[in-house]
Amino acid sequence: MTHLTATHDTVQINGGSAVLDSAHIGDIRGAFGTIKHGDHGARTSWKQRWQTLLAILGPGLIVMVGDNDAGAFGTYTQAGQNYGTSLLWTLLLLVPVLYVNQEMVLRLGAVTGVGHARLIFERFGKFWGAFSVVDLFLLNALTIVTEFIGISLGLDYLGVSRIWGVGISAVIIIAAASTGDFRRFERFSMFLVFASLLLIPIALMVHPAPGQIAHDFFVPQMPKNSKLSDVMLLIIGIVGTTVAPWQLFFQQSYVIDKRITPRFIRYQRLDLWLGIVLVVVGAVAMMAFTAETFAGQAEFGNFTDAAGVASGLGKYFGRVPGVFFAIALIDASIIGALAVSLSTAYAIGDVFAVRHSLHRKPGDAKAFYAVYIGLIIVAAALVLTPGTPLGLLTNLVQTLAGVLLPSATVFLLLLCNDKAVLGPWVNSKRLNWFTAAIIAVLVMLSVILTAAVLFPGISDGHILAVLAGGTAIGAVLAIGVKLYEKSERIQVVQVEVNQASQVERDNWRMPVMETLAPARLSLSSRMWMLVLRGYLVVAAGLLIVKLVVLAVAH
């Protein structure tokens, strides 16, 4: 029997494992089922496995569908309106990236019981811990503004008063997370998840060619007669809207708040795959029906915003698909605002070790709900305030996401190789190589996006030079570091998966933070962190200069 002893907000579990909020220990009360805290029985029948999966479902579906938010609607429909279905293949390439990143954070959450920001703070020091929280807070706050911009665009098409609609949406978003009932929140979120399937009937009404969709999804190609730099920026936008830093912080904390432990990681992985399927189906549907709507029309190649897509659907295929699209946009923006706000509130709660759980009522977790509610109120107010530079804010979100894109994945990789943190659940060598390749690509894309926003006249030659130069430099550095480590016989942290039994793995939890040995970083890890710090200093400096110029001009 597991025994709990609570001191303030820290809970120590028999055996040395720890979480930061006592509400994170107890029964799993999911939207579709319950698993008792002391239930350690084997799931031998299909019925038992199905019931367990139903109870676990939630974190993967919510984080993935939440990523198909207002920004994603704009990016995917822009790809369809400007380039047809020729960029569908980018979604297929992103599937393994999505799975690898989110599988690592769900593993971290289930095994450690500690949020992403707190792990960075404790294992890599105050500089990186503060950086991770501050950049998340700023980027998320601006992202929530874009969610309310999406809500206002949908309301405009439906003919609903923006003031009333945005206000009511803010109230709904606040109320959904403020009941003190985790199951109630998850059921509301799952309703939003299933409502996102409205995109499928829109595709059926517009009926794009299935053969062309299949071809462009599986066969990589670049749009014909298009400027490479413009296409590359849109591809980067697709990557940025599909792989966002808030996803890592949200899913890890949500897995903890749902009380999922290592023995249910297999079911959590299935939940994640279902979420990935939904997000890809939604993205494919948006690109496909937008491409079909504007093919051969004057609007083709002249994307404005998501409201223009709704108007186009109404103009060429009738009012119903336009209305469905507007409702789907509002639905996506609400679930995006929910998830992004919670990722920030969870991170603040983790770092300051205050109560931070949806199992608690607002009066019992004041700081947690103050951050969550404050972000929603400020974002809604900004969207409704006349003269607010919404275009500048949207541009800032895109640029900040580009600057910060690689950093979260770097720390994720380092944490998943920290044996003191994950024990037998550390990454395999093969997964490390794949993730390192992802980081290298993200760094190059981040450099291109940042340069393009800061210097709009960037040429195709500069884009190709960054890609070629970045690949060559990355390869040389990787080979050089490995040769140096080998010649000097440096003892690096062992990252092979521990051959522990499945029972031992299922019951292994990270010990209390204070008892962990200091993090040991190999030369390659230190190199990654040094390069990352230098890049962030330069990119942030250039970004500040650009924003000052834009603000003065505005």
Protein backbone atom coordinates (compact mmCIF):
# COMPACT_ATOMS: atom_id res chain seq x y z
CA MET A 1 0.00 0.00 0.00
CA THR A 2 1.36 3.46 -0.88
CA HIS A 3 1.63 5.84 2.07
CA LEU A 4 1.47 9.62 1.68
CA THR A 5 2.92 12.25 3.96
CA ALA A 6 2.26 15.91 3.15
CA THR A 7 4.32 18.94 4.13
CA HIS A 8 2.81 22.19 2.86
CA ASP A 9 2.36 21.53 -0.90
CA THR A 10 5.02 18.84 -1.32
CA VAL A 11 4.02 15.20 -1.16
CA GLN A 12 6.52 12.42 -0.58
CA ILE A 13 5.58 8.93 -1.61
CA ASN A 14 6.84 5.83 0.09
CA GLY A 15 9.99 4.85 -1.79
CA GLY A 16 11.31 8.41 -2.26
CA SER A 17 9.31 9.67 -5.22
CA ALA A 18 7.79 13.15 -5.03
CA VAL A 19 5.33 15.53 -6.62
CA LEU A 20 4.81 19.22 -5.85
CA ASP A 21 1.07 19.25 -5.18
CA SER A 22 -0.81 16.68 -3.11
CA ALA A 23 -3.75 16.95 -5.54
CA HIS A 24 -1.55 15.16 -8.10
CA ILE A 25 -1.89 11.91 -6.14
CA GLY A 26 -5.10 9.87 -6.19
CA ASP A 27 -7.61 8.24 -8.51
CA ILE A 28 -7.40 8.86 -12.25
CA ARG A 29 -10.78 10.47 -13.01
CA GLY A 30 -10.81 10.90 -16.76
CA ALA A 31 -13.61 12.06 -19.02
CA PHE A 32 -14.63 8.48 -19.85
CA GLY A 33 -13.63 6.40 -16.85
CA THR A 34 -11.94 6.03 -13.47
CA ILE A 35 -8.89 4.07 -12.31
CA LYS A 36 -8.51 3.74 -8.56
CA HIS A 37 -5.22 4.86 -7.04
CA GLY A 38 -4.53 1.43 -5.56
CA ASP A 39 -5.49 -0.48 -8.73
CA HIS A 40 -2.37 -2.40 -9.78
CA GLY A 41 -4.13 -5.35 -11.40
CA ALA A 42 -3.06 -6.72 -14.76
CA ARG A 43 -5.18 -5.86 -17.80
CA THR A 44 -5.55 -9.27 -19.43
CA SER A 45 -8.80 -9.01 -21.37
CA TRP A 46 -9.71 -6.68 -24.24
CA LYS A 47 -12.53 -5.25 -22.13
CA GLN A 48 -10.15 -4.32 -19.30
CA ARG A 49 -7.68 -2.74 -21.74
CA TRP A 50 -10.44 -0.79 -23.48
CA GLN A 51 -11.79 0.54 -20.17
CA THR A 52 -8.28 1.56 -19.13
CA LEU A 53 -7.67 3.35 -22.43
CA LEU A 54 -10.96 5.23 -22.09
CA ALA A 55 -9.96 6.43 -18.62
CA ILE A 56 -6.49 7.52 -19.81
CA LEU A 57 -7.68 9.30 -22.99
CA GLY A 58 -7.30 13.06 -22.85
CA PRO A 59 -3.79 14.58 -22.64
CA GLY A 60 -2.65 13.53 -26.12
CA LEU A 61 -5.95 14.38 -27.80
CA ILE A 62 -6.23 17.79 -26.13
CA VAL A 63 -2.63 18.87 -26.76
CA MET A 64 -2.72 17.81 -30.40
CA VAL A 65 -6.15 19.20 -31.33
CA GLY A 66 -5.33 22.32 -29.28
CA ASP A 67 -2.40 22.80 -31.62
CA ASN A 68 -4.84 23.13 -34.54
CA ASP A 69 -5.69 26.57 -33.14
CA ALA A 70 -6.32 29.98 -34.72
CA GLY A 71 -2.71 30.23 -35.92
CA ALA A 72 -2.89 26.80 -37.50
CA PHE A 73 -6.15 27.67 -39.28
CA GLY A 74 -4.42 30.68 -40.80
CA THR A 75 -1.27 28.77 -41.79
CA TYR A 76 -2.91 25.68 -43.30
CA THR A 77 -5.54 27.65 -45.24
CA GLN A 78 -2.85 30.02 -46.50
CA ALA A 79 -0.96 27.01 -47.86
CA GLY A 80 -4.11 25.76 -49.59
CA GLN A 81 -5.20 29.12 -51.03
CA ASN A 82 -1.74 30.14 -52.26
CA TYR A 83 -0.21 26.82 -53.33
CA GLY A 84 -3.02 24.28 -53.61
CA THR A 85 -2.30 20.88 -52.08
CA SER A 86 1.38 20.86 -53.10
CA LEU A 87 2.61 21.26 -49.49
CA LEU A 88 0.55 18.44 -47.95
CA TRP A 89 3.69 16.30 -47.72
CA THR A 90 5.04 18.56 -44.95
CA LEU A 91 2.34 17.20 -42.64
CA LEU A 92 3.45 13.61 -43.21
CA LEU A 93 7.06 14.52 -42.39
CA LEU A 94 5.94 16.19 -39.15
CA VAL A 95 4.19 13.06 -37.82
CA PRO A 96 7.34 11.42 -36.37
CA VAL A 97 8.50 14.80 -35.01
CA LEU A 98 5.19 15.29 -33.22
CA TYR A 99 5.24 11.80 -31.76
CA VAL A 100 8.87 11.83 -30.60
CA ASN A 101 8.62 15.23 -28.90
CA GLN A 102 5.31 14.59 -27.15
CA GLU A 103 6.18 10.98 -26.21
CA MET A 104 9.25 12.26 -24.38
CA VAL A 105 7.26 14.78 -22.33
CA LEU A 106 4.49 12.34 -21.45
CA ARG A 107 7.23 9.97 -20.25
CA LEU A 108 8.81 12.76 -18.21
CA GLY A 109 5.47 13.64 -16.66
CA ALA A 110 4.47 10.11 -15.74
CA VAL A 111 7.88 9.16 -14.33
CA THR A 112 8.91 12.36 -12.52
CA GLY A 113 5.66 13.91 -11.31
CA VAL A 114 7.34 17.30 -11.84
CA GLY A 115 6.60 19.85 -14.56
CA HIS A 116 8.91 20.75 -17.44
CA ALA A 117 9.87 24.23 -16.20
CA ARG A 118 10.76 22.95 -12.72
CA LEU A 119 12.97 20.20 -14.15
CA ILE A 120 14.88 22.71 -16.28
CA PHE A 121 15.27 25.04 -13.30
CA GLU A 122 16.56 22.29 -10.99
CA ARG A 123 18.80 20.42 -13.43
CA PHE A 124 20.31 23.27 -15.47
CA GLY A 125 20.33 26.21 -13.08
CA LYS A 126 18.54 29.48 -12.45
CA PHE A 127 19.55 31.12 -15.74
CA TRP A 128 17.92 28.52 -17.95
CA GLY A 129 15.06 27.98 -15.53
CA ALA A 130 14.17 31.66 -15.51
CA PHE A 131 14.64 31.82 -19.27
CA SER A 132 12.28 28.91 -19.86
CA VAL A 133 9.54 30.45 -17.71
CA VAL A 134 9.88 34.03 -18.97
CA ASP A 135 9.94 33.11 -22.65
CA LEU A 136 7.01 30.72 -22.18
CA PHE A 137 5.01 33.40 -20.38
CA LEU A 138 5.61 36.06 -23.06
CA LEU A 139 5.05 33.77 -26.03
CA ASN A 140 1.96 32.17 -24.51
CA ALA A 141 0.44 35.53 -23.57
CA LEU A 142 0.77 36.71 -27.18
CA THR A 143 -0.48 33.37 -28.52
CA ILE A 144 -3.65 33.70 -26.44
CA VAL A 145 -4.22 37.09 -28.07
CA THR A 146 -4.12 35.38 -31.48
CA GLU A 147 -6.69 32.86 -30.22
CA PHE A 148 -9.09 35.70 -29.42
CA ILE A 149 -8.36 37.23 -32.82
CA GLY A 150 -9.50 33.89 -34.29
CA ILE A 151 -12.65 33.96 -32.16
CA SER A 152 -13.43 37.51 -33.32
CA LEU A 153 -12.95 36.55 -37.01
CA GLY A 154 -15.37 33.63 -36.63
CA LEU A 155 -17.89 35.80 -34.83
CA ASP A 156 -17.68 38.48 -37.54
CA TYR A 157 -18.57 35.94 -40.23
CA LEU A 158 -21.50 34.65 -38.17
CA GLY A 159 -22.75 38.19 -37.64
CA VAL A 160 -22.36 38.04 -33.86
CA SER A 161 -21.33 41.14 -31.91
CA ARG A 162 -17.58 40.99 -31.32
CA ILE A 163 -17.84 42.56 -27.86
CA TRP A 164 -20.50 40.13 -26.65
CA GLY A 165 -18.96 37.12 -28.40
CA VAL A 166 -15.41 37.65 -27.17
CA GLY A 167 -16.67 38.44 -23.67
CA ILE A 168 -18.82 35.30 -23.50
CA SER A 169 -15.98 33.20 -24.91
CA ALA A 170 -13.63 34.51 -22.21
CA VAL A 171 -16.19 33.65 -19.52
CA ILE A 172 -16.59 30.12 -20.92
CA ILE A 173 -12.82 29.58 -21.04
CA ILE A 174 -12.41 30.80 -17.45
CA ALA A 175 -15.40 28.82 -16.14
CA ALA A 176 -14.30 25.58 -17.84
CA ALA A 177 -11.14 25.36 -15.73
CA SER A 178 -12.40 26.91 -12.51
CA THR A 179 -14.84 24.33 -11.14
CA GLY A 180 -12.29 22.37 -9.11
CA ASP A 181 -13.45 19.23 -10.94
CA PHE A 182 -10.78 17.75 -13.24
CA ARG A 183 -13.23 15.36 -14.90
CA ARG A 184 -15.66 18.19 -15.73
CA PHE A 185 -12.85 20.16 -17.39
CA GLU A 186 -11.70 17.16 -19.40
CA ARG A 187 -15.21 16.37 -20.58
CA PHE A 188 -15.64 19.95 -21.80
CA SER A 189 -12.26 19.77 -23.54
CA MET A 190 -13.15 16.47 -25.20
CA PHE A 191 -16.39 18.03 -26.46
CA LEU A 192 -14.24 20.70 -28.14
CA VAL A 193 -11.95 17.99 -29.52
CA PHE A 194 -14.85 16.16 -31.17
CA ALA A 195 -16.33 19.47 -32.40
CA SER A 196 -13.12 19.97 -34.39
CA LEU A 197 -14.33 17.15 -36.66
CA LEU A 198 -16.61 19.76 -38.29
CA LEU A 199 -13.74 20.20 -40.74
CA ILE A 200 -14.50 16.80 -42.28
CA PRO A 201 -18.04 17.59 -43.50
CA ILE A 202 -16.70 20.82 -44.99
CA ALA A 203 -14.26 18.75 -47.05
CA LEU A 204 -17.08 16.41 -48.08
CA MET A 205 -19.22 19.35 -49.23
CA VAL A 206 -16.36 20.89 -51.20
CA HIS A 207 -15.21 17.42 -52.39
CA PRO A 208 -11.56 17.97 -53.43
CA ALA A 209 -10.00 15.22 -55.57
CA PRO A 210 -8.95 12.28 -53.32
CA GLY A 211 -6.30 11.09 -55.78
CA GLN A 212 -4.57 14.47 -55.86
CA ILE A 213 -4.66 14.69 -52.07
CA ALA A 214 -3.08 11.24 -51.70
CA HIS A 215 -0.39 12.04 -54.27
CA ASP A 216 0.59 15.37 -52.70
CA PHE A 217 0.52 13.91 -49.17
CA PHE A 218 3.01 11.14 -49.98
CA VAL A 219 5.14 12.75 -52.74
CA PRO A 220 7.28 15.75 -51.68
CA GLN A 221 7.36 18.62 -54.16
CA MET A 222 7.70 22.39 -54.29
CA PRO A 223 4.94 24.57 -55.79
CA LYS A 224 5.61 25.49 -59.40
CA ASN A 225 6.39 29.08 -60.42
CA SER A 226 6.75 30.19 -56.81
CA LYS A 227 9.49 32.11 -55.02
CA LEU A 228 11.55 29.74 -52.90
CA SER A 229 11.86 32.15 -49.98
CA ASP A 230 8.07 32.60 -49.77
CA VAL A 231 7.48 28.85 -49.87
CA MET A 232 10.19 28.19 -47.29
CA LEU A 233 8.68 30.75 -44.92
CA LEU A 234 5.30 29.07 -45.21
CA ILE A 235 6.85 25.63 -44.59
CA ILE A 236 8.53 27.06 -41.49
CA GLY A 237 5.16 28.47 -40.46
CA ILE A 238 3.63 24.99 -40.81
CA VAL A 239 6.42 23.54 -38.65
CA GLY A 240 6.08 26.33 -36.09
CA THR A 241 2.32 25.99 -35.76
CA THR A 242 2.53 22.20 -35.55
CA VAL A 243 5.48 21.93 -33.12
CA ALA A 244 5.08 24.64 -30.46
CA PRO A 245 6.93 25.03 -27.10
CA TRP A 246 3.71 25.32 -25.07
CA GLN A 247 2.76 21.76 -26.09
CA LEU A 248 5.72 20.33 -24.18
CA PHE A 249 4.93 22.23 -20.97
CA PHE A 250 1.20 21.56 -21.20
CA GLN A 251 1.22 17.83 -21.82
CA GLN A 252 3.82 17.05 -19.16
CA SER A 253 1.90 19.00 -16.52
CA TYR A 254 -1.48 17.70 -17.63
CA VAL A 255 -0.28 14.09 -17.43
CA ILE A 256 0.85 14.84 -13.87
CA ASP A 257 -2.41 16.56 -12.97
CA LYS A 258 -4.37 13.59 -14.33
CA ARG A 259 -2.31 11.37 -12.01
CA ILE A 260 -0.98 9.11 -14.75
CA THR A 261 1.94 6.91 -13.62
CA PRO A 262 4.53 4.89 -15.59
CA ARG A 263 2.38 1.76 -15.71
CA PHE A 264 -0.07 3.59 -17.99
CA ILE A 265 2.48 5.04 -20.42
CA ARG A 266 1.54 2.48 -23.09
CA TYR A 267 -2.07 3.69 -23.02
CA GLN A 268 -0.92 7.31 -23.03
CA ARG A 269 1.06 6.64 -26.20
CA LEU A 270 -2.12 5.38 -27.89
CA ASP A 271 -3.90 8.55 -26.76
CA LEU A 272 -1.10 10.59 -28.34
CA TRP A 273 -1.34 8.69 -31.63
CA LEU A 274 -5.09 9.35 -31.77
CA GLY A 275 -4.41 13.05 -31.23
CA ILE A 276 -1.80 13.08 -34.01
CA VAL A 277 -4.26 11.41 -36.40
CA LEU A 278 -6.89 14.05 -35.60
CA VAL A 279 -4.51 16.97 -36.02
CA VAL A 280 -3.21 15.66 -39.36
CA VAL A 281 -6.72 14.89 -40.65
CA GLY A 282 -7.83 18.41 -39.73
CA ALA A 283 -4.79 20.01 -41.35
CA VAL A 284 -5.17 17.95 -44.53
CA ALA A 285 -8.88 18.81 -44.70
CA MET A 286 -8.16 22.55 -44.37
CA MET A 287 -5.47 22.57 -47.04
CA ALA A 288 -7.55 20.43 -49.38
CA PHE A 289 -10.91 22.22 -49.21
CA THR A 290 -9.23 25.64 -49.31
CA ALA A 291 -7.25 24.61 -52.40
CA GLU A 292 -10.42 23.35 -54.10
CA THR A 293 -12.43 26.44 -53.12
CA PHE A 294 -10.01 28.94 -54.66
CA ALA A 295 -8.57 26.91 -57.55
CA GLY A 296 -9.00 28.94 -60.76
CA GLN A 297 -10.54 31.85 -58.88
CA ALA A 298 -9.27 35.44 -58.58
CA GLU A 299 -8.53 34.87 -54.86
CA PHE A 300 -6.06 32.04 -55.55
CA GLY A 301 -2.61 33.08 -54.38
CA ASN A 302 -4.00 36.08 -52.48
CA PHE A 303 -4.57 34.85 -48.94
CA THR A 304 -5.85 37.42 -46.45
CA ASP A 305 -6.97 35.63 -43.28
CA ALA A 306 -9.24 32.85 -42.00
CA ALA A 307 -12.29 35.10 -42.38
CA GLY A 308 -11.51 35.37 -46.09
CA VAL A 309 -11.53 31.58 -46.31
CA ALA A 310 -14.97 31.43 -44.66
CA SER A 311 -16.22 34.05 -47.11
CA GLY A 312 -14.81 32.09 -50.03
CA LEU A 313 -16.50 28.89 -48.90
CA GLY A 314 -19.78 30.77 -48.61
CA LYS A 315 -19.33 32.43 -51.99
CA TYR A 316 -18.52 29.30 -54.00
CA PHE A 317 -20.17 26.46 -52.03
CA GLY A 318 -22.98 28.03 -50.05
CA ARG A 319 -23.58 29.34 -46.57
CA VAL A 320 -23.36 26.01 -44.70
CA PRO A 321 -19.65 25.21 -45.23
CA GLY A 322 -18.79 28.85 -44.43
CA VAL A 323 -20.73 28.65 -41.16
CA PHE A 324 -19.15 25.29 -40.29
CA PHE A 325 -15.71 26.75 -40.89
CA ALA A 326 -16.42 29.78 -38.67
CA ILE A 327 -17.70 27.52 -35.87
CA ALA A 328 -14.66 25.23 -36.23
CA LEU A 329 -12.38 28.30 -36.05
CA ILE A 330 -14.06 29.50 -32.83
CA ASP A 331 -13.90 25.97 -31.37
CA ALA A 332 -10.20 25.66 -32.23
CA SER A 333 -9.43 29.08 -30.76
CA ILE A 334 -11.21 28.25 -27.49
CA ILE A 335 -9.40 24.93 -26.99
CA GLY A 336 -6.13 26.63 -27.94
CA ALA A 337 -6.70 29.40 -25.37
CA LEU A 338 -7.54 26.78 -22.72
CA ALA A 339 -4.41 24.73 -23.30
CA VAL A 340 -1.96 27.62 -23.76
CA SER A 341 -3.21 29.43 -20.64
CA LEU A 342 -3.00 26.25 -18.58
CA SER A 343 0.54 25.52 -19.78
CA THR A 344 1.61 28.90 -18.37
CA ALA A 345 -0.29 28.51 -15.08
CA TYR A 346 1.11 25.00 -14.58
CA ALA A 347 4.68 26.24 -15.22
CA ILE A 348 4.37 29.12 -12.76
CA GLY A 349 2.90 26.77 -10.16
CA ASP A 350 5.73 24.29 -10.68
CA VAL A 351 8.55 26.81 -10.44
CA PHE A 352 7.23 28.49 -7.30
CA ALA A 353 5.98 25.21 -5.76
CA VAL A 354 2.49 26.52 -5.13
CA ARG A 355 -0.74 24.58 -5.54
CA HIS A 356 -1.44 24.11 -9.25
CA SER A 357 -4.12 21.59 -10.10
CA LEU A 358 -7.51 21.46 -11.80
CA HIS A 359 -8.57 19.24 -8.91
CA ARG A 360 -8.47 22.34 -6.72
CA LYS A 361 -11.01 25.17 -6.59
CA PRO A 362 -9.79 28.75 -7.21
CA GLY A 363 -9.81 29.56 -3.49
CA ASP A 364 -7.48 26.63 -2.85
CA ALA A 365 -4.97 27.50 -5.61
CA LYS A 366 -5.08 31.29 -5.85
CA ALA A 367 -1.80 31.89 -7.71
CA PHE A 368 -2.50 29.15 -10.27
CA TYR A 369 -5.94 30.50 -11.16
CA ALA A 370 -4.78 34.13 -10.98
CA VAL A 371 -2.27 33.47 -13.77
CA TYR A 372 -4.80 31.50 -15.83
CA ILE A 373 -7.65 34.00 -15.48
CA GLY A 374 -5.37 37.03 -15.82
CA LEU A 375 -4.01 35.84 -19.17
CA ILE A 376 -7.52 35.30 -20.55
CA ILE A 377 -8.83 38.68 -19.38
CA VAL A 378 -5.84 40.64 -20.72
CA ALA A 379 -5.93 38.85 -24.11
CA ALA A 380 -9.67 39.43 -24.54
CA ALA A 381 -9.32 43.08 -23.52
CA LEU A 382 -6.50 43.68 -26.01
CA VAL A 383 -8.52 42.25 -28.89
CA LEU A 384 -11.51 44.44 -27.98
CA THR A 385 -9.45 47.62 -27.45
CA PRO A 386 -9.62 49.96 -30.47
CA GLY A 387 -6.23 50.76 -31.93
CA THR A 388 -4.47 47.67 -30.61
CA PRO A 389 -1.86 46.66 -33.24
CA LEU A 390 -3.21 43.13 -33.75
CA GLY A 391 -1.15 42.66 -36.91
CA LEU A 392 2.04 43.59 -35.03
CA LEU A 393 1.16 41.21 -32.19
CA THR A 394 0.52 38.36 -34.63
CA ASN A 395 3.85 39.07 -36.31
CA LEU A 396 5.56 39.10 -32.92
CA VAL A 397 4.13 35.67 -32.03
CA GLN A 398 5.47 34.20 -35.26
CA THR A 399 8.91 35.74 -34.72
CA LEU A 400 9.20 34.75 -31.06
CA ALA A 401 8.13 31.20 -31.89
CA GLY A 402 10.86 31.09 -34.51
CA VAL A 403 13.50 32.34 -32.07
CA LEU A 404 12.47 29.99 -29.25
CA LEU A 405 11.60 26.94 -31.34
CA PRO A 406 14.84 24.95 -30.85
CA SER A 407 15.45 25.66 -27.15
CA ALA A 408 12.58 23.63 -25.73
CA THR A 409 13.61 20.57 -27.75
CA VAL A 410 17.25 20.89 -26.63
CA PHE A 411 16.27 20.78 -22.95
CA LEU A 412 13.79 18.01 -23.63
CA LEU A 413 16.55 15.86 -25.11
CA LEU A 414 18.92 16.60 -22.23
CA LEU A 415 16.29 15.76 -19.60
CA CYS A 416 15.38 12.50 -21.34
CA ASN A 417 19.04 11.45 -21.09
CA ASP A 418 19.30 12.34 -17.40
CA LYS A 419 19.37 8.97 -15.67
CA ALA A 420 18.82 10.52 -12.25
CA VAL A 421 15.53 11.89 -13.58
CA LEU A 422 14.23 9.03 -15.75
CA GLY A 423 16.14 5.96 -14.52
CA PRO A 424 15.19 2.99 -16.74
CA TRP A 425 12.99 5.29 -18.89
CA VAL A 426 15.87 7.28 -20.45
CA ASN A 427 16.10 7.59 -24.24
CA SER A 428 17.66 4.96 -26.45
CA LYS A 429 20.69 5.88 -28.56
CA ARG A 430 18.61 5.65 -31.75
CA LEU A 431 16.01 8.08 -30.38
CA ASN A 432 18.80 10.47 -29.38
CA TRP A 433 20.21 10.58 -32.89
CA PHE A 434 16.77 11.19 -34.38
CA THR A 435 16.00 13.97 -31.89
CA ALA A 436 19.41 15.58 -32.46
CA ALA A 437 18.67 15.66 -36.20
CA ILE A 438 15.29 17.30 -35.44
CA ILE A 439 17.02 19.94 -33.31
CA ALA A 440 19.51 20.70 -36.08
CA VAL A 441 16.68 21.20 -38.58
CA LEU A 442 14.71 23.35 -36.13
CA VAL A 443 17.75 25.57 -35.53
CA MET A 444 18.18 26.14 -39.29
CA LEU A 445 14.48 26.84 -39.79
CA SER A 446 14.52 29.17 -36.81
CA VAL A 447 17.47 31.10 -38.25
CA ILE A 448 15.72 31.42 -41.62
CA LEU A 449 12.43 32.56 -40.09
CA THR A 450 14.10 35.08 -37.80
CA ALA A 451 16.23 36.47 -40.64
CA ALA A 452 13.25 36.71 -42.98
CA VAL A 453 11.13 38.62 -40.46
CA LEU A 454 13.97 40.96 -39.56
CA PHE A 455 15.16 41.37 -43.16
CA PRO A 456 12.13 40.99 -45.48
CA GLY A 457 14.27 41.27 -48.62
CA ILE A 458 16.10 37.99 -48.00
CA SER A 459 16.77 36.20 -51.30
CA ASP A 460 16.43 32.58 -52.40
CA GLY A 461 20.23 32.37 -52.49
CA HIS A 462 20.46 33.35 -48.84
CA ILE A 463 17.86 30.71 -47.93
CA LEU A 464 19.81 27.98 -49.74
CA ALA A 465 23.07 29.20 -48.18
CA VAL A 466 21.62 28.88 -44.68
CA LEU A 467 20.34 25.37 -45.41
CA ALA A 468 23.61 24.19 -46.96
CA GLY A 469 25.86 25.96 -44.48
CA GLY A 470 23.84 24.86 -41.47
CA THR A 471 23.89 21.23 -42.61
CA ALA A 472 27.65 21.31 -43.17
CA ILE A 473 28.44 23.06 -39.87
CA GLY A 474 26.17 20.71 -37.93
CA ALA A 475 27.78 17.64 -39.49
CA VAL A 476 31.34 18.90 -38.84
CA LEU A 477 30.57 19.81 -35.22
CA ALA A 478 28.88 16.46 -34.54
CA ILE A 479 31.78 14.48 -36.02
CA GLY A 480 34.39 16.65 -34.28
CA VAL A 481 32.80 16.28 -30.87
CA LYS A 482 32.44 12.51 -31.21
CA LEU A 483 36.08 12.14 -32.31
CA TYR A 484 37.25 14.32 -29.41
CA GLU A 485 35.22 12.37 -26.88
CA LYS A 486 36.56 9.12 -28.26
CA SER A 487 40.21 10.26 -28.31
CA GLU A 488 40.05 11.69 -24.80
CA ARG A 489 38.00 8.75 -23.55
CA ILE A 490 35.53 11.11 -21.92
CA GLN A 491 33.04 9.39 -19.68
CA VAL A 492 29.66 10.55 -20.93
CA VAL A 493 26.33 9.84 -19.29
CA GLN A 494 25.11 6.40 -20.30
CA VAL A 495 21.87 6.70 -22.22
CA GLU A 496 21.09 3.13 -23.17
CA VAL A 497 17.70 1.96 -21.98
CA ASN A 498 18.07 0.10 -18.72
CA GLN A 499 17.25 -3.58 -19.09
CA ALA A 500 15.01 -3.51 -16.03
CA SER A 501 11.96 -5.73 -15.97
CA GLN A 502 8.66 -4.23 -17.03
CA VAL A 503 7.37 -4.43 -13.47
CA GLU A 504 10.37 -2.45 -12.22
CA ARG A 505 9.92 0.14 -14.96
CA ASP A 506 6.22 0.48 -14.22
CA ASN A 507 6.93 1.25 -10.59
CA TRP A 508 10.03 3.44 -10.95
CA ARG A 509 9.50 7.12 -10.02
CA MET A 510 11.99 9.95 -9.83
CA PRO A 511 13.22 10.52 -6.24
CA VAL A 512 12.76 13.84 -4.45
CA MET A 513 14.65 16.60 -6.32
CA GLU A 514 16.92 17.46 -3.40
CA THR A 515 18.32 13.91 -3.31
CA LEU A 516 19.36 13.79 -6.98
CA ALA A 517 23.02 13.88 -7.96
CA PRO A 518 24.01 17.00 -9.97
CA ALA A 519 23.32 16.81 -13.69
CA ARG A 520 26.29 15.49 -15.70
CA LEU A 521 26.62 16.94 -19.17
CA SER A 522 28.79 15.53 -21.95
CA LEU A 523 30.88 17.79 -24.20
CA SER A 524 28.24 17.59 -26.94
CA SER A 525 25.52 18.62 -24.47
CA ARG A 526 27.56 21.60 -23.26
CA MET A 527 28.23 22.55 -26.88
CA TRP A 528 24.49 22.53 -27.65
CA MET A 529 23.78 24.79 -24.69
CA LEU A 530 26.61 27.21 -25.58
CA VAL A 531 25.47 27.51 -29.20
CA LEU A 532 21.87 27.91 -28.08
CA ARG A 533 22.72 30.71 -25.63
CA GLY A 534 24.75 32.59 -28.26
CA TYR A 535 22.02 32.26 -30.87
CA LEU A 536 19.32 33.43 -28.48
CA VAL A 537 21.32 36.52 -27.46
CA VAL A 538 21.90 37.56 -31.08
CA ALA A 539 18.36 36.76 -32.28
CA ALA A 540 16.72 38.45 -29.30
CA GLY A 541 18.84 41.57 -29.79
CA LEU A 542 17.91 41.83 -33.47
CA LEU A 543 14.27 41.18 -32.62
CA ILE A 544 14.17 44.00 -30.07
CA VAL A 545 15.61 46.43 -32.62
CA LYS A 546 13.06 45.34 -35.23
CA LEU A 547 10.14 45.68 -32.82
CA VAL A 548 11.20 49.17 -31.78
CA VAL A 549 11.29 50.21 -35.45
CA LEU A 550 7.85 48.69 -36.10
CA ALA A 551 6.36 50.26 -32.98
CA VAL A 552 7.68 53.71 -33.89
CA ALA A 553 6.36 53.35 -37.43
CA HIS A 554 2.95 52.25 -36.12
